[in-house]
Structure formats: C-alpha cells, structure tokens
Amino acid sequence: MDPQPGATPYSAPAGCPMHQQQTSLYGPEFAADPHRFYEAARTHGPAAPIELAPGVDATLIVQHEAALRVLQNPALFARDSRRWAALREGAVPMDSPVLPMMIYRPNCLFTDGAEHLRLRKAVTESLARLNSSRLSRDVERIADYLIDQFIERGTADLLNEYAKLLPLLLFNQLFGCPGDIGDRLTRSMSAIFDGEDVLRANAELTECLMELVSIKRRQPGDDITSWLIQHPAGLRDEELKDQLVMLMGAGVEPERNLIGNALLLMLAGEQPGAPDRRGSGMLVEDALDDVLWNNPPIANYATHYPVRDIELNGVVLKAETPVLISFAAANSDPGLTDARQTLSKGAHLAWGAGPHVCPAKSPATLIALTAIEKILNTVPDLSLAVPASGVAWRPGPFHRALIALPVRFTPTAARRASAGVQPPAQTSAQLPDPYRNASSAAPVTPRHAPEPAKKHKGWWSSFLDVFRV
C-alpha cells in the first residue's frame, strides 16, 4: 500500500473540477443532497478531497472496499489525532466547530494499540453491565415524560422535543448525574453537536464531568460512571472524563438521528406518492435497518491519520492528514448491489468495522426501538405536518440529521401533568422554522407562568422532580 512513482494525491483526471478544488461538506447544498456528491466522488476513485469546515481539509473515503481497508488496518491508519500535521502547525482554527469531534482526547476513540485495548476494555465491560430490561424501562420513563410535555397540544417537533432530548436525558440517567450536573451536561453537549460557541461548551462539558467523577469516587452508585471508576484498568480522572465524553458523543447524536430518521421514514408512508418501501405498516426493526443503510445517523466520521504516504487503489493518502470514512457513501457503493437488494444487516458500515467498531450496537438499537415504539403506541394517529420532501436537513460534515420533524395528532391529556412540575419552557417561537410554518395552532405557552424569582430548571432536574430515581 505504499505510493506508486508518479502517483497524485487524488486520481481525478486533469481538468476535473474535483481535481481543482475541494468540496465543502458543511454547507446547505451538501446537506440537501449528499448522495449526489458521493456519486460524483466515486467516479474519480475511492477518495475525494473535502473541506470539513473553513480551513479544515481532509480526504473522504467513498467506496466500501477502500473503507474496510482503512478501518481494518490500524498499523497503517492511526486514530490518534495528535498526528494531525495541520493542527500541530497552527493551520487549523482553534475555534473551528469540528474540533470537538476531532481533537485528541485520551479515550478509546482516539487511541491505538495497547492503550486503545486498555481503554476499550474498561468501556465494553462497563457497558456489558447494563441490564436490557432496566435500559428499556429507563427509555420508556423518559419517553413518557417528554411525550407529556406536548401531548395536550396536538402538534410537536419530534426531533427537538423527543428524539434529541431522549438520549441526552438517558445518558444523564446512565451516568448517575445529579440534577445540576445533568442540566449543564445536557446544555453543553447540545451546543457542541449544534456547533454553537463550542469553546465555551467544551469547557463547561469538561467542568461538569470532572465534578461528576469526583462525586462518584466518593459516593459510587449503580451507574456507568461508577463502573468505569471501579474497573481494574485504573482510569485516571482525566481518562474517566474522556471516556464519558466519548460515550455520550457516540450515543447522543447518532441516537437522535437514528430515531428521527426512522420516524420520518415510517410517517412518510402515509403521504401520497411515498415509495413502496416506506409506510406506517413497516416494522420498526425494518425502518431502523433501512436508515442504517440509506441515511446512517453518522454519515462521515471515523477519522484516521496515515502513518506515511499510502497508496489506496490509485489514490495517495498523505501522511498525517485526516482521512474520514463515508459510511453513507460506502453503503451506497454500486459494488454492494446484491447486499443492498436484501438490505443485509451484516454488510452496511453504519456501526463501523475493525478494532474501533461500535461497542454499543445492541443497546443503541434497543434504545431506538423502544423510543420509536413508545411514541407510536402512545400517539397512534401521528402524521407529518409537512410533506416528507419538504423536511430540512441540518448542515454539517459528520451527521445525517433533520432540523425538525413536525407532526400533528389528536390532543390527549398528559398522564403526569398532575405532578405540577413545569419543564423548561419551550414556545413555538423557539422551534425551528419548519415547525412554526407547519402548524396553524396557537403559540405554545407554559401551563403555569414561571416565577421570576426562581432559577428555571433544566430538563434533567425537571425530570428528576417527576421521577425520583
């Protein structure tokens, strides 16, 4: 896999637009139709030059076989981003919105070799202690709480009011977070994924997780944080904090998108002209698998750094430059025709491959399955409030994520409204434009006017007021 004499970094022919300039993966054009770019990229080889954010250059692997060669060869393709030459040399803006997802942390996502094995063992063995029945119960309880916040309205944004909040609150539960720490964790993690004031959000995330680690060292509980602390790997506080960052980062954004994209797929079937593979009669399991094939929640990630210049199917991947895997492009590779016809569960790369394959595939699937079944069973007459073709996708290089998922349904009484607990206020004016334009309902107002003298609670502490767990 060493470079061939005279090889060029990209195999596009001279004069080809892709040879002359990079393609931006952070603008609305890419978000609107990413598969058009993937199709164009494949005509020029297994990889394409991209710009992840202003001033952040990388290479994107867009063919299935090439993706496996990178994912399964850790000796040639390292994950440690301290190898990133442009970052070391100051050529990457330190306030870039992609840095929180790419900068080195001492966790099993950014380590290699023996250190990776040590950290991954602590993570996988801690995750293995999760009880499936308990996990399902926790998801259902959080889902019930969130559904109660909008079920009396008859309208909702299932992305921002359900799919986004559910995994955030669930990880507060799994980590054993007190109310205040959970509120700050929810706020900072949301800001990082949305690219909002990422330096401040990253600092707040670090601060609240270090506080959590300190608390759990003194008072361990039946939670992932305590299990990591107790693991024989003997993780230091900084390592503990960064395993938690990795777990939340790998769980919240993908889970949000998996739930949202599968709900869109199922609800779109009720609209005229929907493709035959969609529909309300589709099993939830089939909808999830369809999304993992066609709209994987994390579309482009798994950043690697070639340890030297490496030739890959006629393309030279330069040493110490970011090489990302396009799971979305690999899954739509024409070479996978037979596997795609049957949507074989073993062939798609949505969970990754090689030594860094996702260690939480089973719990992640269970969370999404439970969350979707709960909303469909609780609100059986859900329907999209906009045409399926009119939903907007959130710009960004890594994810395949909806901006909003507006729905209508028959209003019913909230089952826990009598508890008298008011969650964080969220009016229709705070929801994304696609939601506000989708409904003619009156603006949403809190059931009880907030008391000005009191500090408004966050989502996690409000949940704890209802469910003391």
Protein backbone atom coordinates (compact mmCIF):
# COMPACT_ATOMS: atom_id res chain seq x y z
CA MET A 1 0.00 0.00 0.00
CA ASP A 2 2.98 2.31 -0.46
CA PRO A 3 2.59 5.13 -3.01
CA GLN A 4 3.46 4.37 -6.60
CA PRO A 5 6.03 6.51 -8.50
CA GLY A 6 4.33 9.49 -10.05
CA ALA A 7 1.03 8.96 -8.19
CA THR A 8 -1.01 12.02 -7.31
CA PRO A 9 -2.99 12.62 -4.11
CA TYR A 10 -6.27 12.18 -5.99
CA SER A 11 -6.99 10.09 -9.04
CA ALA A 12 -9.31 12.57 -10.76
CA PRO A 13 -8.17 13.43 -14.30
CA ALA A 14 -6.58 16.78 -15.04
CA GLY A 15 -9.18 19.50 -15.57
CA CYS A 16 -11.81 17.74 -13.48
CA PRO A 17 -13.45 20.17 -11.02
CA MET A 18 -12.83 17.72 -8.16
CA HIS A 19 -9.14 17.75 -9.01
CA GLN A 20 -9.05 21.54 -8.85
CA GLN A 21 -10.98 22.24 -5.66
CA GLN A 22 -12.31 20.60 -2.58
CA THR A 23 -15.97 20.01 -1.91
CA SER A 24 -17.46 21.63 1.17
CA LEU A 25 -19.27 19.23 3.50
CA TYR A 26 -20.65 21.88 5.83
CA GLY A 27 -22.97 23.92 3.62
CA PRO A 28 -26.71 23.58 2.94
CA GLU A 29 -26.11 22.26 -0.59
CA PHE A 30 -24.37 19.15 0.74
CA ALA A 31 -26.98 18.67 3.47
CA ALA A 32 -29.80 18.86 0.91
CA ASP A 33 -28.45 16.06 -1.31
CA PRO A 34 -25.25 14.38 -0.03
CA HIS A 35 -25.67 11.31 -2.24
CA ARG A 36 -25.20 13.45 -5.34
CA PHE A 37 -21.71 14.30 -4.08
CA TYR A 38 -20.96 10.69 -3.18
CA GLU A 39 -21.92 9.55 -6.69
CA ALA A 40 -19.66 12.17 -8.26
CA ALA A 41 -16.79 11.35 -5.90
CA ARG A 42 -16.86 7.64 -6.75
CA THR A 43 -16.31 8.33 -10.46
CA HIS A 44 -12.86 9.68 -9.57
CA GLY A 45 -11.66 6.88 -7.32
CA PRO A 46 -12.11 5.62 -3.78
CA ALA A 47 -11.42 9.00 -2.16
CA ALA A 48 -12.16 12.69 -2.64
CA PRO A 49 -10.70 15.94 -1.24
CA ILE A 50 -13.09 17.73 1.10
CA GLU A 51 -13.32 20.72 3.41
CA LEU A 52 -14.96 19.84 6.73
CA ALA A 53 -15.18 23.46 7.87
CA PRO A 54 -13.47 26.68 6.80
CA GLY A 55 -9.73 25.97 6.92
CA VAL A 56 -10.11 22.25 7.75
CA ASP A 57 -9.05 20.00 4.85
CA ALA A 58 -9.45 16.23 4.73
CA THR A 59 -9.95 13.21 2.47
CA LEU A 60 -13.20 11.24 2.33
CA ILE A 61 -13.25 7.51 1.55
CA VAL A 62 -16.35 6.83 -0.55
CA GLN A 63 -16.00 3.17 -1.60
CA HIS A 64 -16.91 0.18 0.55
CA GLU A 65 -13.83 -1.95 -0.09
CA ALA A 66 -11.49 1.02 0.45
CA ALA A 67 -13.33 1.90 3.67
CA LEU A 68 -12.75 -1.60 5.03
CA ARG A 69 -9.05 -1.44 4.15
CA VAL A 70 -8.70 1.72 6.24
CA LEU A 71 -10.89 0.58 9.13
CA GLN A 72 -9.19 -2.81 9.42
CA ASN A 73 -5.54 -1.67 9.17
CA PRO A 74 -4.67 0.19 12.40
CA ALA A 75 -0.93 -0.27 11.79
CA LEU A 76 -1.19 1.95 8.70
CA PHE A 77 -4.12 4.19 9.66
CA ALA A 78 -3.92 5.57 13.20
CA ARG A 79 -6.75 7.21 15.13
CA ASP A 80 -4.59 9.45 17.34
CA SER A 81 -5.31 12.99 16.15
CA ARG A 82 -2.06 14.28 17.66
CA ARG A 83 -0.63 13.06 14.35
CA TRP A 84 -2.63 15.76 12.53
CA ALA A 85 0.12 17.89 10.99
CA ALA A 86 -2.04 20.90 10.07
CA LEU A 87 -3.38 21.14 13.62
CA ARG A 88 0.10 20.89 15.14
CA GLU A 89 1.35 23.60 12.81
CA GLY A 90 -1.45 26.03 13.69
CA ALA A 91 -3.14 25.87 10.28
CA VAL A 92 -6.49 24.81 11.75
CA PRO A 93 -8.57 27.48 13.53
CA MET A 94 -8.86 26.60 17.22
CA ASP A 95 -12.45 27.80 17.29
CA SER A 96 -13.44 25.56 14.37
CA PRO A 97 -16.82 23.89 15.01
CA VAL A 98 -15.41 20.48 14.02
CA LEU A 99 -12.58 20.41 16.55
CA PRO A 100 -14.63 19.00 19.46
CA MET A 101 -15.31 15.97 17.24
CA MET A 102 -11.72 15.64 16.03
CA ILE A 103 -9.29 16.91 18.64
CA TYR A 104 -7.40 14.32 20.70
CA ARG A 105 -8.89 13.09 23.94
CA PRO A 106 -7.43 10.19 25.96
CA ASN A 107 -10.33 7.88 25.18
CA CYS A 108 -10.66 4.71 23.14
CA LEU A 109 -11.84 6.62 20.08
CA PHE A 110 -8.53 8.49 19.64
CA THR A 111 -6.03 5.88 20.81
CA ASP A 112 -4.27 2.95 19.19
CA GLY A 113 -2.55 -0.29 20.17
CA ALA A 114 -2.22 -1.35 23.80
CA GLU A 115 -3.63 1.94 25.13
CA HIS A 116 -6.71 1.55 22.97
CA LEU A 117 -7.22 -2.02 24.19
CA ARG A 118 -6.91 -0.94 27.85
CA LEU A 119 -9.45 1.87 27.50
CA ARG A 120 -11.83 -0.07 25.27
CA LYS A 121 -11.85 -2.99 27.72
CA ALA A 122 -12.95 -0.64 30.50
CA VAL A 123 -15.72 0.77 28.31
CA THR A 124 -17.02 -2.51 26.86
CA GLU A 125 -17.02 -4.30 30.22
CA SER A 126 -18.83 -1.39 31.85
CA LEU A 127 -21.42 -1.32 29.07
CA ALA A 128 -21.85 -5.08 29.44
CA ARG A 129 -23.19 -4.45 32.96
CA LEU A 130 -26.22 -2.65 31.52
CA ASN A 131 -29.39 -4.65 32.04
CA SER A 132 -31.62 -4.70 28.96
CA SER A 133 -34.84 -4.65 30.97
CA ARG A 134 -33.63 -1.72 33.06
CA LEU A 135 -32.50 0.12 29.93
CA SER A 136 -35.90 -0.35 28.28
CA ARG A 137 -37.64 0.83 31.44
CA ASP A 138 -35.45 3.95 31.62
CA VAL A 139 -36.14 4.78 27.96
CA GLU A 140 -39.89 4.33 28.42
CA ARG A 141 -39.94 6.51 31.54
CA ILE A 142 -38.06 9.34 29.83
CA ALA A 143 -40.23 8.94 26.73
CA ASP A 144 -43.38 9.19 28.83
CA TYR A 145 -42.08 12.37 30.45
CA LEU A 146 -41.23 14.01 27.12
CA ILE A 147 -44.48 12.98 25.45
CA ASP A 148 -46.41 14.51 28.35
CA GLN A 149 -44.89 17.89 27.52
CA PHE A 150 -46.60 18.08 24.11
CA ILE A 151 -49.40 15.51 24.01
CA GLU A 152 -52.06 18.07 25.02
CA ARG A 153 -51.13 20.38 22.13
CA GLY A 154 -51.84 18.14 19.16
CA THR A 155 -48.60 19.30 17.49
CA ALA A 156 -44.95 18.61 18.18
CA ASP A 157 -41.48 18.68 16.75
CA LEU A 158 -40.45 15.06 17.27
CA LEU A 159 -36.83 15.87 16.53
CA ASN A 160 -36.19 18.65 19.04
CA GLU A 161 -38.86 17.74 21.59
CA TYR A 162 -38.32 13.97 21.58
CA ALA A 163 -35.52 12.37 19.57
CA LYS A 164 -32.92 14.94 20.64
CA LEU A 165 -33.84 15.14 24.32
CA LEU A 166 -34.43 11.45 24.99
CA PRO A 167 -30.81 10.26 24.59
CA LEU A 168 -29.48 13.32 26.42
CA LEU A 169 -31.66 12.58 29.44
CA LEU A 170 -30.97 8.86 29.17
CA PHE A 171 -27.22 9.39 29.43
CA ASN A 172 -27.75 11.55 32.50
CA GLN A 173 -29.57 8.55 33.94
CA LEU A 174 -26.90 6.05 32.85
CA PHE A 175 -24.09 8.25 34.22
CA GLY A 176 -25.87 8.81 37.54
CA CYS A 177 -25.92 12.60 37.21
CA PRO A 178 -27.30 14.87 39.95
CA GLY A 179 -29.77 17.48 38.71
CA ASP A 180 -27.46 20.47 38.27
CA ILE A 181 -24.66 18.49 36.61
CA GLY A 182 -27.15 16.81 34.29
CA ASP A 183 -28.64 20.16 33.24
CA ARG A 184 -25.19 21.53 32.39
CA LEU A 185 -24.20 18.32 30.63
CA THR A 186 -27.37 18.44 28.50
CA ARG A 187 -26.80 22.11 27.63
CA SER A 188 -23.10 21.80 26.74
CA MET A 189 -23.44 18.58 24.74
CA SER A 190 -26.30 20.07 22.72
CA ALA A 191 -24.21 23.15 21.94
CA ILE A 192 -21.25 21.07 20.78
CA PHE A 193 -23.36 19.00 18.40
CA ASP A 194 -25.08 22.11 17.07
CA GLY A 195 -21.76 23.95 16.60
CA GLU A 196 -22.74 26.78 18.95
CA ASP A 197 -20.00 28.52 20.96
CA VAL A 198 -18.03 25.28 21.03
CA LEU A 199 -15.09 26.59 23.11
CA ARG A 200 -17.37 27.59 25.97
CA ALA A 201 -19.47 24.44 25.62
CA ASN A 202 -16.40 22.22 25.66
CA ALA A 203 -15.10 23.96 28.80
CA GLU A 204 -18.46 23.51 30.55
CA LEU A 205 -18.62 19.87 29.48
CA THR A 206 -15.17 19.23 30.96
CA GLU A 207 -16.01 21.01 34.19
CA CYS A 208 -19.28 19.22 34.89
CA LEU A 209 -17.90 15.76 34.05
CA MET A 210 -14.89 16.26 36.30
CA GLU A 211 -17.33 17.19 39.08
CA LEU A 212 -19.31 14.03 38.36
CA VAL A 213 -16.18 11.85 38.54
CA SER A 214 -15.23 13.44 41.85
CA ILE A 215 -18.70 12.77 43.29
CA LYS A 216 -18.74 9.16 42.12
CA ARG A 217 -15.30 8.46 43.56
CA ARG A 218 -16.69 9.47 46.96
CA GLN A 219 -20.17 8.04 46.53
CA PRO A 220 -20.29 5.30 43.87
CA GLY A 221 -23.64 4.15 42.55
CA ASP A 222 -25.15 1.65 40.17
CA ASP A 223 -24.15 3.59 37.03
CA ILE A 224 -21.63 3.65 34.20
CA THR A 225 -19.50 6.37 35.82
CA SER A 226 -19.03 4.28 38.96
CA TRP A 227 -18.40 1.11 36.96
CA LEU A 228 -15.64 2.83 34.99
CA ILE A 229 -14.08 4.09 38.22
CA GLN A 230 -14.17 0.59 39.70
CA HIS A 231 -12.73 -1.11 36.61
CA PRO A 232 -9.32 -2.82 37.04
CA ALA A 233 -7.90 -0.61 34.27
CA GLY A 234 -7.45 2.03 36.99
CA LEU A 235 -8.51 5.02 34.89
CA ARG A 236 -7.28 8.44 35.96
CA ASP A 237 -9.81 11.26 36.40
CA GLU A 238 -8.91 12.78 33.03
CA GLU A 239 -9.30 9.41 31.33
CA LEU A 240 -12.60 8.82 33.10
CA LYS A 241 -13.90 12.17 31.95
CA ASP A 242 -12.94 11.48 28.37
CA GLN A 243 -14.46 8.00 28.27
CA LEU A 244 -17.71 9.66 29.36
CA VAL A 245 -17.35 12.30 26.64
CA MET A 246 -16.80 9.55 24.09
CA LEU A 247 -19.78 7.50 25.30
CA MET A 248 -22.09 10.49 25.23
CA GLY A 249 -20.78 11.75 21.91
CA ALA A 250 -21.09 8.31 20.33
CA GLY A 251 -24.54 7.82 21.80
CA VAL A 252 -26.46 11.09 21.78
CA GLU A 253 -26.04 12.45 18.24
CA PRO A 254 -26.28 9.07 16.46
CA GLU A 255 -29.26 8.02 18.58
CA ARG A 256 -31.07 11.30 17.96
CA ASN A 257 -30.62 10.91 14.21
CA LEU A 258 -31.46 7.21 14.16
CA ILE A 259 -34.75 7.84 15.96
CA GLY A 260 -35.62 10.93 13.92
CA ASN A 261 -34.71 9.46 10.53
CA ALA A 262 -36.61 6.22 11.22
CA LEU A 263 -39.71 8.12 12.35
CA LEU A 264 -39.59 10.21 9.17
CA LEU A 265 -39.32 7.04 7.10
CA MET A 266 -42.32 5.46 8.77
CA LEU A 267 -44.53 8.56 8.83
CA ALA A 268 -43.74 9.44 5.22
CA GLY A 269 -45.54 6.28 4.08
CA GLU A 270 -48.89 7.81 4.94
CA GLN A 271 -48.45 10.58 2.38
CA PRO A 272 -49.50 10.23 -1.28
CA GLY A 273 -46.72 9.18 -3.64
CA ALA A 274 -44.47 7.71 -0.95
CA PRO A 275 -42.09 4.95 -2.15
CA ASP A 276 -43.30 1.40 -1.59
CA ARG A 277 -40.56 0.66 0.94
CA ARG A 278 -41.99 3.28 3.29
CA GLY A 279 -45.14 3.14 5.29
CA SER A 280 -46.87 3.05 8.65
CA GLY A 281 -47.14 -0.72 8.27
CA MET A 282 -43.34 -1.03 8.24
CA LEU A 283 -41.85 -2.83 11.23
CA VAL A 284 -39.74 -0.60 13.43
CA GLU A 285 -36.80 -3.01 13.08
CA ASP A 286 -37.00 -2.74 9.28
CA ALA A 287 -37.20 1.05 9.43
CA LEU A 288 -34.07 1.19 11.60
CA ASP A 289 -32.18 -1.09 9.24
CA ASP A 290 -33.30 0.98 6.24
CA VAL A 291 -31.95 4.12 7.92
CA LEU A 292 -28.63 2.44 8.77
CA TRP A 293 -28.26 1.58 5.09
CA ASN A 294 -29.56 4.71 3.39
CA ASN A 295 -29.34 7.58 5.89
CA PRO A 296 -26.86 6.45 8.55
CA PRO A 297 -27.01 8.78 11.58
CA ILE A 298 -23.27 9.44 11.42
CA ALA A 299 -22.60 9.71 7.72
CA ASN A 300 -18.91 10.69 7.64
CA TYR A 301 -16.50 10.17 10.53
CA ALA A 302 -14.03 7.58 11.92
CA THR A 303 -11.10 9.93 11.28
CA HIS A 304 -7.79 8.18 10.58
CA TYR A 305 -4.28 9.52 10.00
CA PRO A 306 -1.98 7.60 7.61
CA VAL A 307 1.32 6.88 9.34
CA ARG A 308 3.06 7.51 6.00
CA ASP A 309 2.03 8.28 2.42
CA ILE A 310 -0.13 5.31 1.48
CA GLU A 311 -1.47 4.34 -1.93
CA LEU A 312 -5.06 3.16 -1.86
CA ASN A 313 -6.47 1.89 -5.15
CA GLY A 314 -4.60 4.51 -7.17
CA VAL A 315 -5.04 7.39 -4.72
CA VAL A 316 -2.29 8.59 -2.39
CA LEU A 317 -3.38 9.37 1.14
CA LYS A 318 -0.83 11.79 2.54
CA ALA A 319 0.79 11.09 5.89
CA GLU A 320 -0.61 12.87 8.96
CA THR A 321 -3.69 14.23 7.14
CA PRO A 322 -7.28 13.44 8.20
CA VAL A 323 -8.92 10.58 6.31
CA LEU A 324 -12.62 10.15 7.06
CA ILE A 325 -14.84 7.21 6.24
CA SER A 326 -18.12 7.99 4.49
CA PHE A 327 -20.37 5.30 5.90
CA ALA A 328 -23.19 6.71 3.76
CA ALA A 329 -21.18 6.52 0.54
CA ALA A 330 -19.78 3.08 1.35
CA ASN A 331 -23.29 1.78 1.97
CA SER A 332 -24.47 3.08 -1.42
CA ASP A 333 -21.42 1.72 -3.29
CA PRO A 334 -22.64 0.10 -6.55
CA GLY A 335 -20.35 -2.83 -5.74
CA LEU A 336 -22.78 -3.83 -2.99
CA THR A 337 -25.71 -4.43 -5.33
CA ASP A 338 -26.59 -7.89 -4.03
CA ALA A 339 -26.29 -6.91 -0.37
CA ARG A 340 -28.32 -3.75 -0.89
CA GLN A 341 -31.12 -5.61 -2.65
CA THR A 342 -31.71 -7.61 0.52
CA LEU A 343 -30.54 -4.85 2.91
CA SER A 344 -28.32 -7.46 4.53
CA LYS A 345 -27.69 -6.41 8.12
CA GLY A 346 -24.12 -7.65 8.04
CA ALA A 347 -22.96 -5.62 5.05
CA HIS A 348 -23.57 -1.96 5.93
CA LEU A 349 -20.89 0.03 7.75
CA ALA A 350 -23.11 2.21 9.93
CA TRP A 351 -21.60 0.63 13.07
CA GLY A 352 -18.06 0.81 11.71
CA ALA A 353 -15.63 -2.11 11.40
CA GLY A 354 -12.26 -3.22 12.67
CA PRO A 355 -10.82 -2.60 16.17
CA HIS A 356 -12.91 0.58 16.61
CA VAL A 357 -16.27 -0.97 15.68
CA CYS A 358 -19.08 0.45 17.82
CA PRO A 359 -19.16 -1.42 21.16
CA ALA A 360 -22.74 -0.36 21.89
CA LYS A 361 -24.60 -1.69 18.85
CA SER A 362 -27.08 -3.76 20.88
CA PRO A 363 -28.02 -1.13 23.50
CA ALA A 364 -28.16 1.59 20.82
CA THR A 365 -30.59 -0.49 18.77
CA LEU A 366 -32.69 -1.25 21.85
CA ILE A 367 -32.89 2.44 22.79
CA ALA A 368 -34.07 3.49 19.33
CA LEU A 369 -36.50 0.59 19.03
CA THR A 370 -38.05 1.32 22.43
CA ALA A 371 -38.27 5.08 21.83
CA ILE A 372 -39.99 4.68 18.45
CA GLU A 373 -42.42 2.01 19.63
CA LYS A 374 -43.33 4.15 22.66
CA ILE A 375 -44.23 7.27 20.64
CA LEU A 376 -46.13 5.29 18.01
CA ASN A 377 -48.11 3.36 20.62
CA THR A 378 -48.81 6.40 22.80
CA VAL A 379 -49.78 8.68 19.90
CA PRO A 380 -51.18 6.25 17.30
CA ASP A 381 -52.51 8.88 14.86
CA LEU A 382 -49.21 10.71 14.30
CA SER A 383 -48.91 12.29 10.86
CA LEU A 384 -46.36 14.59 9.28
CA ALA A 385 -47.34 18.26 9.34
CA VAL A 386 -45.32 18.98 6.19
CA PRO A 387 -44.68 16.98 3.00
CA ALA A 388 -41.88 14.45 3.52
CA SER A 389 -39.99 16.07 0.65
CA GLY A 390 -40.13 19.39 2.46
CA VAL A 391 -38.26 18.46 5.64
CA ALA A 392 -34.93 20.23 6.06
CA TRP A 393 -31.61 18.59 6.91
CA ARG A 394 -29.12 20.13 9.32
CA PRO A 395 -25.86 21.20 7.63
CA GLY A 396 -22.68 19.61 8.93
CA PRO A 397 -19.98 17.23 7.70
CA PHE A 398 -20.44 14.33 10.11
CA HIS A 399 -24.15 13.63 10.51
CA ARG A 400 -27.31 12.96 8.56
CA ALA A 401 -29.66 14.90 10.77
CA LEU A 402 -33.04 16.53 10.46
CA ILE A 403 -33.54 20.13 11.56
CA ALA A 404 -37.09 19.37 12.70
CA LEU A 405 -39.77 16.70 12.39
CA PRO A 406 -43.14 18.48 12.70
CA VAL A 407 -46.17 16.26 13.34
CA ARG A 408 -49.88 16.52 14.13
CA PHE A 409 -52.08 14.22 16.20
CA THR A 410 -55.21 14.18 18.34
CA PRO A 411 -54.56 16.01 21.62
CA THR A 412 -55.00 13.94 24.78
CA ALA A 413 -54.47 14.52 28.48
CA ALA A 414 -50.95 14.29 29.86
CA ARG A 415 -50.71 11.36 32.23
CA ARG A 416 -48.29 13.01 34.67
CA ALA A 417 -49.43 16.63 34.35
CA SER A 418 -50.99 16.41 37.81
CA ALA A 419 -47.49 16.29 39.30
CA GLY A 420 -47.43 20.06 38.85
CA VAL A 421 -43.84 20.09 37.58
CA GLN A 422 -43.09 22.58 34.83
CA PRO A 423 -40.28 21.56 32.43
CA PRO A 424 -38.09 24.12 30.69
CA ALA A 425 -40.40 26.46 28.79
CA GLN A 426 -40.39 25.96 25.03
CA THR A 427 -42.69 28.02 22.85
CA SER A 428 -43.41 27.62 19.19
CA ALA A 429 -41.22 30.66 18.52
CA GLN A 430 -38.23 28.70 19.84
CA LEU A 431 -38.75 25.80 17.49
CA PRO A 432 -37.10 25.64 14.04
CA ASP A 433 -38.83 27.39 11.12
CA PRO A 434 -40.14 24.15 9.52
CA TYR A 435 -42.15 23.52 12.68
CA ARG A 436 -43.54 27.03 13.05
CA ASN A 437 -44.68 27.06 9.42
CA ALA A 438 -46.23 23.63 9.67
CA SER A 439 -48.95 24.27 12.18
CA SER A 440 -51.74 26.79 12.48
CA ALA A 441 -52.05 26.06 16.18
CA ALA A 442 -51.82 28.92 18.64
CA PRO A 443 -48.39 29.60 20.15
CA VAL A 444 -47.50 27.14 22.88
CA THR A 445 -47.37 28.63 26.38
CA PRO A 446 -46.38 27.02 29.66
CA ARG A 447 -49.23 25.55 31.68
CA HIS A 448 -48.10 27.62 34.66
CA ALA A 449 -46.46 31.03 34.49
CA PRO A 450 -42.84 30.77 35.69
CA GLU A 451 -41.93 32.55 38.89
CA PRO A 452 -39.41 35.28 38.02
CA ALA A 453 -37.55 34.98 41.30
CA LYS A 454 -36.71 31.32 40.76
CA LYS A 455 -33.95 29.93 38.61
CA HIS A 456 -35.53 27.99 35.75
CA LYS A 457 -34.77 24.32 35.95
CA GLY A 458 -33.17 22.38 33.14
CA TRP A 459 -34.58 19.27 31.52
CA TRP A 460 -32.79 16.76 33.75
CA SER A 461 -33.61 18.35 37.09
CA SER A 462 -37.22 18.80 35.93
CA PHE A 463 -37.36 15.11 35.04
CA LEU A 464 -35.97 14.20 38.46
CA ASP A 465 -38.76 16.19 40.08
CA VAL A 466 -41.21 13.76 38.50
CA PHE A 467 -39.16 10.55 38.72
CA ARG A 468 -37.01 10.36 41.81
CA VAL A 469 -34.59 7.60 40.74
